[in-house]
């Protein structure tokens, strides 16, 4: 899934790490993230993420 990394970083602004999938998705929703970003975040495994890099790595696996 090709997600714009800049859009992803905007969506994740203000997340306190480590963060659960729910916290990440909720924050992205508050930032009015685009449909592709939300779809990518919704497809993440339900676990704790240590950093934005960990999220990007997991999203990249969905390609």
PDB file of N, CA and C in Angstrom:
ATOM      1  N   UNK A   1       0.867  -1.178   0.000  1.00  0.00           N
ATOM      2  CA  UNK A   1       0.000   0.000   0.000  1.00  0.00           C
ATOM      3  C   UNK A   1       0.908   1.234   0.000  1.00  0.00           C
ATOM      4  N   UNK A   2       0.832   2.026  -1.040  1.00  0.00           N
ATOM      5  CA  UNK A   2       1.670   3.216  -1.140  1.00  0.00           C
ATOM      6  C   UNK A   2       0.995   4.378  -0.409  1.00  0.00           C
ATOM      7  N   UNK A   3       1.539   4.718   0.735  1.00  0.00           N
ATOM      8  CA  UNK A   3       1.009   5.821   1.531  1.00  0.00           C
ATOM      9  C   UNK A   3       2.059   6.925   1.538  1.00  0.00           C
ATOM     10  N   UNK A   4       1.626   8.138   1.293  1.00  0.00           N
ATOM     11  CA  UNK A   4       2.525   9.286   1.311  1.00  0.00           C
ATOM     12  C   UNK A   4       3.106   9.430   2.720  1.00  0.00           C
ATOM     13  N   UNK A   5       4.446   9.338   2.861  1.00  0.00           N
ATOM     14  CA  UNK A   5       5.044   9.409   4.197  1.00  0.00           C
ATOM     15  C   UNK A   5       4.808  10.750   4.897  1.00  0.00           C
ATOM     16  N   UNK A   6       4.694  11.817   4.135  1.00  0.00           N
ATOM     17  CA  UNK A   6       4.431  13.131   4.740  1.00  0.00           C
ATOM     18  C   UNK A   6       3.025  13.161   5.318  1.00  0.00           C
ATOM     19  N   UNK A   7       2.066  12.626   4.583  1.00  0.00           N
ATOM     20  CA  UNK A   7       0.690  12.547   5.083  1.00  0.00           C
ATOM     21  C   UNK A   7       0.619  11.673   6.339  1.00  0.00           C
ATOM     22  N   UNK A   8       1.390  10.586   6.325  1.00  0.00           N
ATOM     23  CA  UNK A   8       1.408   9.684   7.481  1.00  0.00           C
ATOM     24  C   UNK A   8       1.959  10.428   8.700  1.00  0.00           C
ATOM     25  N   UNK A   9       3.051  11.169   8.547  1.00  0.00           N
ATOM     26  CA  UNK A   9       3.642  11.895   9.673  1.00  0.00           C
ATOM     27  C   UNK A   9       2.693  12.965  10.207  1.00  0.00           C
ATOM     28  N   UNK A  10       1.992  13.660   9.311  1.00  0.00           N
ATOM     29  CA  UNK A  10       0.998  14.653   9.751  1.00  0.00           C
ATOM     30  C   UNK A  10      -0.087  13.981  10.582  1.00  0.00           C
ATOM     31  N   UNK A  11      -0.536  12.815  10.115  1.00  0.00           N
ATOM     32  CA  UNK A  11      -1.609  12.091  10.800  1.00  0.00           C
ATOM     33  C   UNK A  11      -1.176  11.635  12.183  1.00  0.00           C
ATOM     34  N   UNK A  12       0.119  11.350  12.352  1.00  0.00           N
ATOM     35  CA  UNK A  12       0.617  10.814  13.615  1.00  0.00           C
ATOM     36  C   UNK A  12       1.111  11.885  14.571  1.00  0.00           C
ATOM     37  N   UNK A  13       0.992  13.136  14.187  1.00  0.00           N
ATOM     38  CA  UNK A  13       1.439  14.234  15.044  1.00  0.00           C
ATOM     39  C   UNK A  13       0.725  14.223  16.387  1.00  0.00           C
ATOM     40  N   UNK A  14       1.496  14.329  17.453  1.00  0.00           N
ATOM     41  CA  UNK A  14       0.913  14.381  18.791  1.00  0.00           C
ATOM     42  C   UNK A  14       0.715  13.042  19.462  1.00  0.00           C
ATOM     43  N   UNK A  15       1.065  11.949  18.795  1.00  0.00           N
ATOM     44  CA  UNK A  15       0.938  10.633  19.414  1.00  0.00           C
ATOM     45  C   UNK A  15       2.063  10.470  20.441  1.00  0.00           C
ATOM     46  N   UNK A  16       1.716  10.006  21.620  1.00  0.00           N
ATOM     47  CA  UNK A  16       2.712   9.714  22.658  1.00  0.00           C
ATOM     48  C   UNK A  16       3.066   8.235  22.588  1.00  0.00           C
ATOM     49  N   UNK A  17       4.336   7.948  22.361  1.00  0.00           N
ATOM     50  CA  UNK A  17       4.795   6.561  22.214  1.00  0.00           C
ATOM     51  C   UNK A  17       5.369   6.053  23.520  1.00  0.00           C
ATOM     52  N   UNK A  18       5.257   4.735  23.783  1.00  0.00           N
ATOM     53  CA  UNK A  18       4.585   3.752  22.929  1.00  0.00           C
ATOM     54  C   UNK A  18       3.076   4.000  22.887  1.00  0.00           C
ATOM     55  N   UNK A  19       2.488   3.614  21.761  1.00  0.00           N
ATOM     56  CA  UNK A  19       1.064   3.853  21.545  1.00  0.00           C
ATOM     57  C   UNK A  19       0.405   2.603  20.972  1.00  0.00           C
ATOM     58  N   UNK A  20      -0.832   2.387  21.373  1.00  0.00           N
ATOM     59  CA  UNK A  20      -1.599   1.253  20.843  1.00  0.00           C
ATOM     60  C   UNK A  20      -2.150   1.616  19.468  1.00  0.00           C
ATOM     61  N   UNK A  21      -2.562   0.593  18.746  1.00  0.00           N
ATOM     62  CA  UNK A  21      -3.178   0.819  17.437  1.00  0.00           C
ATOM     63  C   UNK A  21      -4.370   1.765  17.586  1.00  0.00           C
ATOM     64  N   UNK A  22      -5.182   1.565  18.614  1.00  0.00           N
ATOM     65  CA  UNK A  22      -6.370   2.408  18.809  1.00  0.00           C
ATOM     66  C   UNK A  22      -5.979   3.874  19.002  1.00  0.00           C
ATOM     67  N   UNK A  23      -4.956   4.126  19.818  1.00  0.00           N
ATOM     68  CA  UNK A  23      -4.503   5.506  20.035  1.00  0.00           C
ATOM     69  C   UNK A  23      -4.016   6.132  18.730  1.00  0.00           C
ATOM     70  N   UNK A  24      -3.314   5.356  17.941  1.00  0.00           N
ATOM     71  CA  UNK A  24      -2.769   5.841  16.662  1.00  0.00           C
ATOM     72  C   UNK A  24      -3.908   6.165  15.697  1.00  0.00           C
ATOM     73  N   UNK A  25      -4.856   5.253  15.563  1.00  0.00           N
ATOM     74  CA  UNK A  25      -5.991   5.466  14.653  1.00  0.00           C
ATOM     75  C   UNK A  25      -6.835   6.653  15.116  1.00  0.00           C
ATOM     76  N   UNK A  26      -7.058   6.758  16.431  1.00  0.00           N
ATOM     77  CA  UNK A  26      -7.843   7.883  16.969  1.00  0.00           C
ATOM     78  C   UNK A  26      -7.160   9.217  16.677  1.00  0.00           C
ATOM     79  N   UNK A  27      -5.848   9.279  16.863  1.00  0.00           N
ATOM     80  CA  UNK A  27      -5.107  10.517  16.616  1.00  0.00           C
ATOM     81  C   UNK A  27      -5.159  10.889  15.135  1.00  0.00           C
ATOM     82  N   UNK A  28      -4.975   9.908  14.267  1.00  0.00           N
ATOM     83  CA  UNK A  28      -5.032  10.166  12.824  1.00  0.00           C
ATOM     84  C   UNK A  28      -6.407  10.690  12.431  1.00  0.00           C
ATOM     85  N   UNK A  29      -7.442  10.129  13.041  1.00  0.00           N
ATOM     86  CA  UNK A  29      -8.804  10.576  12.765  1.00  0.00           C
ATOM     87  C   UNK A  29      -8.994  12.031  13.194  1.00  0.00           C
ATOM     88  N   UNK A  30      -8.458  12.399  14.360  1.00  0.00           N
ATOM     89  CA  UNK A  30      -8.542  13.789  14.832  1.00  0.00           C
ATOM     90  C   UNK A  30      -7.838  14.747  13.881  1.00  0.00           C
ATOM     91  N   UNK A  31      -6.771  14.263  13.250  1.00  0.00           N
ATOM     92  CA  UNK A  31      -6.016  15.082  12.303  1.00  0.00           C
ATOM     93  C   UNK A  31      -6.629  15.046  10.906  1.00  0.00           C
ATOM     94  N   UNK A  32      -7.797  14.398  10.795  1.00  0.00           N
ATOM     95  CA  UNK A  32      -8.495  14.277   9.513  1.00  0.00           C
ATOM     96  C   UNK A  32      -7.584  13.701   8.428  1.00  0.00           C
ATOM     97  N   UNK A  33      -6.939  12.588   8.783  1.00  0.00           N
ATOM     98  CA  UNK A  33      -6.047  11.895   7.844  1.00  0.00           C
ATOM     99  C   UNK A  33      -6.841  11.434   6.628  1.00  0.00           C
ATOM    100  N   UNK A  34      -6.155  11.364   5.510  1.00  0.00           N
ATOM    101  CA  UNK A  34      -6.772  10.933   4.258  1.00  0.00           C
ATOM    102  C   UNK A  34      -7.195   9.480   4.305  1.00  0.00           C
ATOM    103  N   UNK A  35      -8.006   9.106   3.339  1.00  0.00           N
ATOM    104  CA  UNK A  35      -8.565   7.756   3.283  1.00  0.00           C
ATOM    105  C   UNK A  35      -7.475   6.685   3.200  1.00  0.00           C
ATOM    106  N   UNK A  36      -6.419   6.918   2.406  1.00  0.00           N
ATOM    107  CA  UNK A  36      -5.353   5.920   2.271  1.00  0.00           C
ATOM    108  C   UNK A  36      -4.605   5.733   3.582  1.00  0.00           C
ATOM    109  N   UNK A  37      -4.319   6.836   4.276  1.00  0.00           N
ATOM    110  CA  UNK A  37      -3.624   6.745   5.568  1.00  0.00           C
ATOM    111  C   UNK A  37      -4.493   5.991   6.566  1.00  0.00           C
ATOM    112  N   UNK A  38      -5.775   6.330   6.638  1.00  0.00           N
ATOM    113  CA  UNK A  38      -6.672   5.653   7.580  1.00  0.00           C
ATOM    114  C   UNK A  38      -6.780   4.159   7.255  1.00  0.00           C
ATOM    115  N   UNK A  39      -6.857   3.833   5.981  1.00  0.00           N
ATOM    116  CA  UNK A  39      -6.946   2.429   5.573  1.00  0.00           C
ATOM    117  C   UNK A  39      -5.679   1.682   6.001  1.00  0.00           C
ATOM    118  N   UNK A  40      -4.523   2.309   5.806  1.00  0.00           N
ATOM    119  CA  UNK A  40      -3.251   1.685   6.196  1.00  0.00           C
ATOM    120  C   UNK A  40      -3.188   1.482   7.702  1.00  0.00           C
ATOM    121  N   UNK A  41      -3.594   2.490   8.465  1.00  0.00           N
ATOM    122  CA  UNK A  41      -3.551   2.383   9.922  1.00  0.00           C
ATOM    123  C   UNK A  41      -4.561   1.361  10.437  1.00  0.00           C
ATOM    124  N   UNK A  42      -5.729   1.311   9.811  1.00  0.00           N
ATOM    125  CA  UNK A  42      -6.745   0.328  10.211  1.00  0.00           C
ATOM    126  C   UNK A  42      -6.259  -1.106   9.995  1.00  0.00           C
ATOM    127  N   UNK A  43      -5.348  -1.292   9.032  1.00  0.00           N
ATOM    128  CA  UNK A  43      -4.868  -2.641   8.721  1.00  0.00           C
ATOM    129  C   UNK A  43      -3.681  -3.057   9.589  1.00  0.00           C
ATOM    130  N   UNK A  44      -3.209  -2.174  10.461  1.00  0.00           N
ATOM    131  CA  UNK A  44      -2.081  -2.509  11.335  1.00  0.00           C
ATOM    132  C   UNK A  44      -2.466  -3.625  12.303  1.00  0.00           C
ATOM    133  N   UNK A  45      -1.500  -4.477  12.660  1.00  0.00           N
ATOM    134  CA  UNK A  45      -1.763  -5.447  13.726  1.00  0.00           C
ATOM    135  C   UNK A  45      -2.052  -4.715  15.039  1.00  0.00           C
ATOM    136  N   UNK A  46      -2.896  -5.303  15.852  1.00  0.00           N
ATOM    137  CA  UNK A  46      -3.300  -4.687  17.123  1.00  0.00           C
ATOM    138  C   UNK A  46      -2.223  -4.927  18.169  1.00  0.00           C
ATOM    139  N   UNK A  47      -1.284  -3.976  18.275  1.00  0.00           N
ATOM    140  CA  UNK A  47      -0.190  -4.084  19.240  1.00  0.00           C
ATOM    141  C   UNK A  47       0.311  -2.693  19.583  1.00  0.00           C
ATOM    142  N   UNK A  48       1.297  -2.616  20.472  1.00  0.00           N
ATOM    143  CA  UNK A  48       1.907  -1.333  20.825  1.00  0.00           C
ATOM    144  C   UNK A  48       2.997  -0.996  19.808  1.00  0.00           C
ATOM    145  N   UNK A  49       3.099   0.274  19.468  1.00  0.00           N
ATOM    146  CA  UNK A  49       4.131   0.751  18.549  1.00  0.00           C
ATOM    147  C   UNK A  49       5.031   1.717  19.295  1.00  0.00           C
ATOM    148  N   UNK A  50       6.342   1.534  19.131  1.00  0.00           N
ATOM    149  CA  UNK A  50       7.335   2.307  19.870  1.00  0.00           C
ATOM    150  C   UNK A  50       7.630   3.670  19.257  1.00  0.00           C
ATOM    151  N   UNK A  51       7.362   3.823  17.946  1.00  0.00           N
ATOM    152  CA  UNK A  51       7.739   5.058  17.260  1.00  0.00           C
ATOM    153  C   UNK A  51       7.015   5.157  15.922  1.00  0.00           C
ATOM    154  N   UNK A  52       7.040   6.348  15.307  1.00  0.00           N
ATOM    155  CA  UNK A  52       6.476   6.475  13.959  1.00  0.00           C
ATOM    156  C   UNK A  52       7.192   5.552  12.965  1.00  0.00           C
ATOM    157  N   UNK A  53       8.497   5.355  13.157  1.00  0.00           N
ATOM    158  CA  UNK A  53       9.244   4.467  12.259  1.00  0.00           C
ATOM    159  C   UNK A  53       8.701   3.041  12.319  1.00  0.00           C
ATOM    160  N   UNK A  54       8.310   2.594  13.513  1.00  0.00           N
ATOM    161  CA  UNK A  54       7.747   1.248  13.663  1.00  0.00           C
ATOM    162  C   UNK A  54       6.423   1.134  12.907  1.00  0.00           C
ATOM    163  N   UNK A  55       5.647   2.190  12.928  1.00  0.00           N
ATOM    164  CA  UNK A  55       4.373   2.196  12.198  1.00  0.00           C
ATOM    165  C   UNK A  55       4.640   2.169  10.694  1.00  0.00           C
ATOM    166  N   UNK A  56       5.555   3.011  10.234  1.00  0.00           N
ATOM    167  CA  UNK A  56       5.882   3.049   8.805  1.00  0.00           C
ATOM    168  C   UNK A  56       6.402   1.703   8.318  1.00  0.00           C
ATOM    169  N   UNK A  57       7.211   1.036   9.140  1.00  0.00           N
ATOM    170  CA  UNK A  57       7.745  -0.266   8.775  1.00  0.00           C
ATOM    171  C   UNK A  57       6.603  -1.269   8.615  1.00  0.00           C
ATOM    172  N   UNK A  58       5.669  -1.258   9.549  1.00  0.00           N
ATOM    173  CA  UNK A  58       4.532  -2.190   9.499  1.00  0.00           C
ATOM    174  C   UNK A  58       3.643  -1.886   8.301  1.00  0.00           C
ATOM    175  N   UNK A  59       3.396  -0.612   8.023  1.00  0.00           N
ATOM    176  CA  UNK A  59       2.583  -0.227   6.868  1.00  0.00           C
ATOM    177  C   UNK A  59       3.283  -0.693   5.585  1.00  0.00           C
ATOM    178  N   UNK A  60       4.597  -0.564   5.532  1.00  0.00           N
ATOM    179  CA  UNK A  60       5.363  -0.980   4.358  1.00  0.00           C
ATOM    180  C   UNK A  60       5.257  -2.460   4.073  1.00  0.00           C
ATOM    181  N   UNK A  61       5.004  -3.263   5.104  1.00  0.00           N
ATOM    182  CA  UNK A  61       4.857  -4.709   4.911  1.00  0.00           C
ATOM    183  C   UNK A  61       3.598  -5.050   4.139  1.00  0.00           C
ATOM    184  N   UNK A  62       2.624  -4.165   4.178  1.00  0.00           N
ATOM    185  CA  UNK A  62       1.357  -4.410   3.495  1.00  0.00           C
ATOM    186  C   UNK A  62       1.424  -4.234   1.987  1.00  0.00           C
ATOM    187  N   UNK A  63       2.587  -3.803   1.480  1.00  0.00           N
ATOM    188  CA  UNK A  63       2.723  -3.573   0.032  1.00  0.00           C
ATOM    189  C   UNK A  63       2.644  -4.860  -0.752  1.00  0.00           C
TER     190      UNK A  63
END
